[in-house]
Amino acid sequence: NKISLSQNEVNVLNLTGAELQNLPFLT
């Protein structure tokens, strides 16, 4: 449940509603 951003560019994360609901946390 972690995400790592690429520096100096637009970062895009695509989630379904179910995926978002099922995430217990996001680090």
PDB file of all heavy atoms in Angstrom:
ATOM      1  N   ASN A   1       0.812  -1.231   0.000  1.00  0.00           N
ATOM      2  CA  ASN A   1       0.000   0.000   0.000  1.00  0.00           C
ATOM      3  C   ASN A   1       0.839   1.271   0.000  1.00  0.00           C
ATOM      4  O   ASN A   1       0.513   2.250   0.686  1.00  0.00           O
ATOM      5  CB  ASN A   1      -0.971   0.005   1.186  1.00  0.00           C
ATOM      6  CG  ASN A   1      -1.879  -1.198   1.209  1.00  0.00           C
ATOM      7  OD1 ASN A   1      -2.445  -1.569   0.186  1.00  0.00           O
ATOM      8  ND2 ASN A   1      -2.000  -1.839   2.362  1.00  0.00           N
ATOM      9  N   LYS A   2       1.909   1.258  -0.779  1.00  0.00           N
ATOM     10  CA  LYS A   2       2.773   2.422  -0.896  1.00  0.00           C
ATOM     11  C   LYS A   2       2.806   2.905  -2.345  1.00  0.00           C
ATOM     12  O   LYS A   2       2.613   2.121  -3.278  1.00  0.00           O
ATOM     13  CB  LYS A   2       4.195   2.094  -0.440  1.00  0.00           C
ATOM     14  CG  LYS A   2       4.310   1.742   1.031  1.00  0.00           C
ATOM     15  CD  LYS A   2       5.763   1.428   1.406  1.00  0.00           C
ATOM     16  CE  LYS A   2       5.882   1.104   2.890  1.00  0.00           C
ATOM     17  NZ  LYS A   2       7.280   0.766   3.260  1.00  0.00           N
ATOM     18  N   ILE A   3       3.038   4.211  -2.517  1.00  0.00           N
ATOM     19  CA  ILE A   3       3.278   4.750  -3.847  1.00  0.00           C
ATOM     20  C   ILE A   3       4.557   5.581  -3.810  1.00  0.00           C
ATOM     21  O   ILE A   3       4.857   6.243  -2.811  1.00  0.00           O
ATOM     22  CB  ILE A   3       2.099   5.605  -4.376  1.00  0.00           C
ATOM     23  CG1 ILE A   3       1.777   6.763  -3.441  1.00  0.00           C
ATOM     24  CG2 ILE A   3       0.873   4.744  -4.625  1.00  0.00           C
ATOM     25  CD1 ILE A   3       0.738   7.720  -4.013  1.00  0.00           C
ATOM     26  N   SER A   4       5.281   5.537  -4.921  1.00  0.00           N
ATOM     27  CA  SER A   4       6.507   6.316  -5.063  1.00  0.00           C
ATOM     28  C   SER A   4       6.353   7.214  -6.278  1.00  0.00           C
ATOM     29  O   SER A   4       6.074   6.729  -7.393  1.00  0.00           O
ATOM     30  CB  SER A   4       7.718   5.391  -5.236  1.00  0.00           C
ATOM     31  OG  SER A   4       8.909   6.139  -5.378  1.00  0.00           O
ATOM     32  N   LEU A   5       6.505   8.522  -6.085  1.00  0.00           N
ATOM     33  CA  LEU A   5       6.290   9.489  -7.151  1.00  0.00           C
ATOM     34  C   LEU A   5       7.577   9.733  -7.938  1.00  0.00           C
ATOM     35  O   LEU A   5       8.672   9.753  -7.368  1.00  0.00           O
ATOM     36  CB  LEU A   5       5.802  10.817  -6.570  1.00  0.00           C
ATOM     37  CG  LEU A   5       4.562  10.755  -5.686  1.00  0.00           C
ATOM     38  CD1 LEU A   5       4.192  12.146  -5.192  1.00  0.00           C
ATOM     39  CD2 LEU A   5       3.386  10.127  -6.428  1.00  0.00           C
ATOM     40  N   SER A   6       7.423   9.925  -9.237  1.00  0.00           N
ATOM     41  CA  SER A   6       8.552  10.320 -10.086  1.00  0.00           C
ATOM     42  C   SER A   6       8.721  11.828  -9.984  1.00  0.00           C
ATOM     43  O   SER A   6       7.776  12.584 -10.212  1.00  0.00           O
ATOM     44  CB  SER A   6       8.288   9.924 -11.539  1.00  0.00           C
ATOM     45  OG  SER A   6       8.152   8.520 -11.654  1.00  0.00           O
ATOM     46  N   GLN A   7       9.930  12.247  -9.650  1.00  0.00           N
ATOM     47  CA  GLN A   7      10.184  13.665  -9.420  1.00  0.00           C
ATOM     48  C   GLN A   7      10.094  14.467 -10.715  1.00  0.00           C
ATOM     49  O   GLN A   7      10.461  13.995 -11.793  1.00  0.00           O
ATOM     50  CB  GLN A   7      11.549  13.875  -8.793  1.00  0.00           C
ATOM     51  CG  GLN A   7      11.667  13.327  -7.365  1.00  0.00           C
ATOM     52  CD  GLN A   7      10.721  14.012  -6.410  1.00  0.00           C
ATOM     53  OE1 GLN A   7       9.940  13.357  -5.728  1.00  0.00           O
ATOM     54  NE2 GLN A   7      10.775  15.335  -6.360  1.00  0.00           N
ATOM     55  N   ASN A   8       9.581  15.691 -10.593  1.00  0.00           N
ATOM     56  CA  ASN A   8       9.561  16.682 -11.673  1.00  0.00           C
ATOM     57  C   ASN A   8       8.756  16.231 -12.884  1.00  0.00           C
ATOM     58  O   ASN A   8       9.107  16.536 -14.022  1.00  0.00           O
ATOM     59  CB  ASN A   8      10.986  17.056 -12.083  1.00  0.00           C
ATOM     60  CG  ASN A   8      11.789  17.617 -10.930  1.00  0.00           C
ATOM     61  OD1 ASN A   8      11.294  18.423 -10.148  1.00  0.00           O
ATOM     62  ND2 ASN A   8      13.035  17.176 -10.811  1.00  0.00           N
ATOM     63  N   GLU A   9       7.690  15.505 -12.633  1.00  0.00           N
ATOM     64  CA  GLU A   9       6.748  15.180 -13.693  1.00  0.00           C
ATOM     65  C   GLU A   9       5.379  14.935 -13.083  1.00  0.00           C
ATOM     66  O   GLU A   9       5.239  14.765 -11.868  1.00  0.00           O
ATOM     67  CB  GLU A   9       7.208  13.972 -14.498  1.00  0.00           C
ATOM     68  CG  GLU A   9       7.243  12.668 -13.743  1.00  0.00           C
ATOM     69  CD  GLU A   9       7.632  11.491 -14.639  1.00  0.00           C
ATOM     70  OE1 GLU A   9       8.839  11.304 -14.875  1.00  0.00           O
ATOM     71  OE2 GLU A   9       6.705  10.809 -15.122  1.00  0.00           O
ATOM     72  N   VAL A  10       4.352  14.943 -13.947  1.00  0.00           N
ATOM     73  CA  VAL A  10       2.995  14.670 -13.494  1.00  0.00           C
ATOM     74  C   VAL A  10       2.857  13.174 -13.238  1.00  0.00           C
ATOM     75  O   VAL A  10       3.138  12.354 -14.103  1.00  0.00           O
ATOM     76  CB  VAL A  10       1.960  15.127 -14.528  1.00  0.00           C
ATOM     77  CG1 VAL A  10       0.554  14.778 -14.071  1.00  0.00           C
ATOM     78  CG2 VAL A  10       2.080  16.623 -14.770  1.00  0.00           C
ATOM     79  N   ASN A  11       2.424  12.833 -12.032  1.00  0.00           N
ATOM     80  CA  ASN A  11       2.214  11.436 -11.664  1.00  0.00           C
ATOM     81  C   ASN A  11       0.730  11.118 -11.752  1.00  0.00           C
ATOM     82  O   ASN A  11      -0.112  11.920 -11.312  1.00  0.00           O
ATOM     83  CB  ASN A  11       2.714  11.190 -10.246  1.00  0.00           C
ATOM     84  CG  ASN A  11       4.231  11.251 -10.156  1.00  0.00           C
ATOM     85  OD1 ASN A  11       4.900  10.223 -10.181  1.00  0.00           O
ATOM     86  ND2 ASN A  11       4.780  12.464 -10.059  1.00  0.00           N
ATOM     87  N   VAL A  12       0.413   9.946 -12.292  1.00  0.00           N
ATOM     88  CA  VAL A  12      -0.977   9.539 -12.484  1.00  0.00           C
ATOM     89  C   VAL A  12      -1.185   8.158 -11.872  1.00  0.00           C
ATOM     90  O   VAL A  12      -0.443   7.213 -12.175  1.00  0.00           O
ATOM     91  CB  VAL A  12      -1.355   9.504 -13.983  1.00  0.00           C
ATOM     92  CG1 VAL A  12      -2.810   9.061 -14.155  1.00  0.00           C
ATOM     93  CG2 VAL A  12      -1.129  10.864 -14.625  1.00  0.00           C
ATOM     94  N   LEU A  13      -2.186   8.073 -11.014  1.00  0.00           N
ATOM     95  CA  LEU A  13      -2.594   6.806 -10.408  1.00  0.00           C
ATOM     96  C   LEU A  13      -4.057   6.570 -10.762  1.00  0.00           C
ATOM     97  O   LEU A  13      -4.903   7.427 -10.493  1.00  0.00           O
ATOM     98  CB  LEU A  13      -2.420   6.864  -8.889  1.00  0.00           C
ATOM     99  CG  LEU A  13      -2.947   5.682  -8.081  1.00  0.00           C
ATOM    100  CD1 LEU A  13      -2.200   4.395  -8.438  1.00  0.00           C
ATOM    101  CD2 LEU A  13      -2.856   5.958  -6.579  1.00  0.00           C
ATOM    102  N   ASN A  14      -4.348   5.436 -11.382  1.00  0.00           N
ATOM    103  CA  ASN A  14      -5.714   5.097 -11.765  1.00  0.00           C
ATOM    104  C   ASN A  14      -6.254   3.997 -10.869  1.00  0.00           C
ATOM    105  O   ASN A  14      -5.638   2.930 -10.739  1.00  0.00           O
ATOM    106  CB  ASN A  14      -5.768   4.644 -13.230  1.00  0.00           C
ATOM    107  CG  ASN A  14      -5.482   5.773 -14.202  1.00  0.00           C
ATOM    108  OD1 ASN A  14      -5.672   6.946 -13.869  1.00  0.00           O
ATOM    109  ND2 ASN A  14      -5.032   5.445 -15.400  1.00  0.00           N
ATOM    110  N   LEU A  15      -7.409   4.252 -10.243  1.00  0.00           N
ATOM    111  CA  LEU A  15      -8.032   3.301  -9.341  1.00  0.00           C
ATOM    112  C   LEU A  15      -9.503   3.150  -9.687  1.00  0.00           C
ATOM    113  O   LEU A  15     -10.149   4.114 -10.103  1.00  0.00           O
ATOM    114  CB  LEU A  15      -7.924   3.767  -7.890  1.00  0.00           C
ATOM    115  CG  LEU A  15      -6.536   3.951  -7.280  1.00  0.00           C
ATOM    116  CD1 LEU A  15      -6.653   4.613  -5.911  1.00  0.00           C
ATOM    117  CD2 LEU A  15      -5.812   2.620  -7.162  1.00  0.00           C
ATOM    118  N   THR A  16     -10.040   1.956  -9.492  1.00  0.00           N
ATOM    119  CA  THR A  16     -11.482   1.798  -9.516  1.00  0.00           C
ATOM    120  C   THR A  16     -12.022   2.170  -8.132  1.00  0.00           C
ATOM    121  O   THR A  16     -11.268   2.238  -7.147  1.00  0.00           O
ATOM    122  CB  THR A  16     -11.878   0.355  -9.850  1.00  0.00           C
ATOM    123  OG1 THR A  16     -11.445  -0.507  -8.787  1.00  0.00           O
ATOM    124  CG2 THR A  16     -11.243  -0.091 -11.166  1.00  0.00           C
ATOM    125  N   GLY A  17     -13.329   2.372  -8.066  1.00  0.00           N
ATOM    126  CA  GLY A  17     -13.922   2.660  -6.776  1.00  0.00           C
ATOM    127  C   GLY A  17     -13.697   1.527  -5.787  1.00  0.00           C
ATOM    128  O   GLY A  17     -13.411   1.759  -4.600  1.00  0.00           O
ATOM    129  N   ALA A  18     -13.800   0.280  -6.261  1.00  0.00           N
ATOM    130  CA  ALA A  18     -13.591  -0.871  -5.381  1.00  0.00           C
ATOM    131  C   ALA A  18     -12.155  -0.921  -4.877  1.00  0.00           C
ATOM    132  O   ALA A  18     -11.910  -1.220  -3.697  1.00  0.00           O
ATOM    133  CB  ALA A  18     -13.945  -2.160  -6.121  1.00  0.00           C
ATOM    134  N   GLU A  19     -11.209  -0.627  -5.753  1.00  0.00           N
ATOM    135  CA  GLU A  19      -9.804  -0.629  -5.327  1.00  0.00           C
ATOM    136  C   GLU A  19      -9.555   0.434  -4.258  1.00  0.00           C
ATOM    137  O   GLU A  19      -8.833   0.194  -3.287  1.00  0.00           O
ATOM    138  CB  GLU A  19      -8.895  -0.396  -6.529  1.00  0.00           C
ATOM    139  CG  GLU A  19      -8.815  -1.587  -7.472  1.00  0.00           C
ATOM    140  CD  GLU A  19      -8.094  -1.263  -8.765  1.00  0.00           C
ATOM    141  OE1 GLU A  19      -8.046  -0.069  -9.149  1.00  0.00           O
ATOM    142  OE2 GLU A  19      -7.594  -2.213  -9.415  1.00  0.00           O
ATOM    143  N   LEU A  20     -10.156   1.611  -4.437  1.00  0.00           N
ATOM    144  CA  LEU A  20      -9.985   2.661  -3.444  1.00  0.00           C
ATOM    145  C   LEU A  20     -10.621   2.258  -2.111  1.00  0.00           C
ATOM    146  O   LEU A  20     -10.026   2.458  -1.040  1.00  0.00           O
ATOM    147  CB  LEU A  20     -10.601   3.965  -3.952  1.00  0.00           C
ATOM    148  CG  LEU A  20     -10.542   5.166  -3.010  1.00  0.00           C
ATOM    149  CD1 LEU A  20      -9.106   5.505  -2.633  1.00  0.00           C
ATOM    150  CD2 LEU A  20     -11.216   6.381  -3.646  1.00  0.00           C
ATOM    151  N   GLN A  21     -11.809   1.680  -2.166  1.00  0.00           N
ATOM    152  CA  GLN A  21     -12.478   1.262  -0.943  1.00  0.00           C
ATOM    153  C   GLN A  21     -11.692   0.190  -0.201  1.00  0.00           C
ATOM    154  O   GLN A  21     -11.698   0.140   1.034  1.00  0.00           O
ATOM    155  CB  GLN A  21     -13.883   0.729  -1.250  1.00  0.00           C
ATOM    156  CG  GLN A  21     -14.918   1.801  -1.476  1.00  0.00           C
ATOM    157  CD  GLN A  21     -15.356   2.457  -0.160  1.00  0.00           C
ATOM    158  OE1 GLN A  21     -14.548   2.698   0.725  1.00  0.00           O
ATOM    159  NE2 GLN A  21     -16.631   2.765  -0.055  1.00  0.00           N
ATOM    160  N   ASN A  22     -11.020  -0.678  -0.936  1.00  0.00           N
ATOM    161  CA  ASN A  22     -10.318  -1.801  -0.313  1.00  0.00           C
ATOM    162  C   ASN A  22      -8.931  -1.441   0.201  1.00  0.00           C
ATOM    163  O   ASN A  22      -8.289  -2.282   0.849  1.00  0.00           O
ATOM    164  CB  ASN A  22     -10.210  -2.961  -1.303  1.00  0.00           C
ATOM    165  CG  ASN A  22     -11.559  -3.614  -1.582  1.00  0.00           C
ATOM    166  OD1 ASN A  22     -12.452  -3.611  -0.725  1.00  0.00           O
ATOM    167  ND2 ASN A  22     -11.733  -4.153  -2.777  1.00  0.00           N
ATOM    168  N   LEU A  23      -8.467  -0.225  -0.096  1.00  0.00           N
ATOM    169  CA  LEU A  23      -7.167   0.183   0.440  1.00  0.00           C
ATOM    170  C   LEU A  23      -7.318   0.511   1.920  1.00  0.00           C
ATOM    171  O   LEU A  23      -8.052   1.432   2.281  1.00  0.00           O
ATOM    172  CB  LEU A  23      -6.647   1.414  -0.314  1.00  0.00           C
ATOM    173  CG  LEU A  23      -5.956   1.202  -1.655  1.00  0.00           C
ATOM    174  CD1 LEU A  23      -5.594   2.551  -2.280  1.00  0.00           C
ATOM    175  CD2 LEU A  23      -4.703   0.347  -1.499  1.00  0.00           C
ATOM    176  N   PRO A  24      -6.600  -0.196   2.809  1.00  0.00           N
ATOM    177  CA  PRO A  24      -6.703   0.121   4.233  1.00  0.00           C
ATOM    178  C   PRO A  24      -6.005   1.425   4.591  1.00  0.00           C
ATOM    179  O   PRO A  24      -6.388   2.105   5.544  1.00  0.00           O
ATOM    180  CB  PRO A  24      -6.033  -1.076   4.913  1.00  0.00           C
ATOM    181  CG  PRO A  24      -5.068  -1.589   3.890  1.00  0.00           C
ATOM    182  CD  PRO A  24      -5.717  -1.344   2.558  1.00  0.00           C
ATOM    183  N   PHE A  25      -4.990   1.776   3.835  1.00  0.00           N
ATOM    184  CA  PHE A  25      -4.251   3.023   4.008  1.00  0.00           C
ATOM    185  C   PHE A  25      -3.409   3.237   2.756  1.00  0.00           C
ATOM    186  O   PHE A  25      -3.298   2.347   1.904  1.00  0.00           O
ATOM    187  CB  PHE A  25      -3.355   2.984   5.268  1.00  0.00           C
ATOM    188  CG  PHE A  25      -2.338   1.878   5.255  1.00  0.00           C
ATOM    189  CD1 PHE A  25      -1.081   2.054   4.684  1.00  0.00           C
ATOM    190  CD2 PHE A  25      -2.635   0.642   5.820  1.00  0.00           C
ATOM    191  CE1 PHE A  25      -0.154   1.034   4.653  1.00  0.00           C
ATOM    192  CE2 PHE A  25      -1.707  -0.398   5.798  1.00  0.00           C
ATOM    193  CZ  PHE A  25      -0.467  -0.197   5.214  1.00  0.00           C
ATOM    194  N   LEU A  26      -2.812   4.425   2.642  1.00  0.00           N
ATOM    195  CA  LEU A  26      -1.939   4.724   1.506  1.00  0.00           C
ATOM    196  C   LEU A  26      -0.746   5.509   2.034  1.00  0.00           C
ATOM    197  O   LEU A  26      -0.909   6.572   2.636  1.00  0.00           O
ATOM    198  CB  LEU A  26      -2.686   5.543   0.449  1.00  0.00           C
ATOM    199  CG  LEU A  26      -1.935   5.828  -0.858  1.00  0.00           C
ATOM    200  CD1 LEU A  26      -1.611   4.531  -1.596  1.00  0.00           C
ATOM    201  CD2 LEU A  26      -2.750   6.753  -1.758  1.00  0.00           C
ATOM    202  N   THR A  27       0.443   4.960   1.804  1.00  0.00           N
ATOM    203  CA  THR A  27       1.667   5.593   2.293  1.00  0.00           C
ATOM    204  C   THR A  27       2.457   6.172   1.125  1.00  0.00           C
ATOM    205  O   THR A  27       2.700   5.478   0.129  1.00  0.00           O
ATOM    206  CB  THR A  27       2.547   4.579   3.043  1.00  0.00           C
ATOM    207  OG1 THR A  27       1.823   4.085   4.171  1.00  0.00           O
ATOM    208  CG2 THR A  27       3.842   5.226   3.528  1.00  0.00           C
TER     209      THR A  27
END
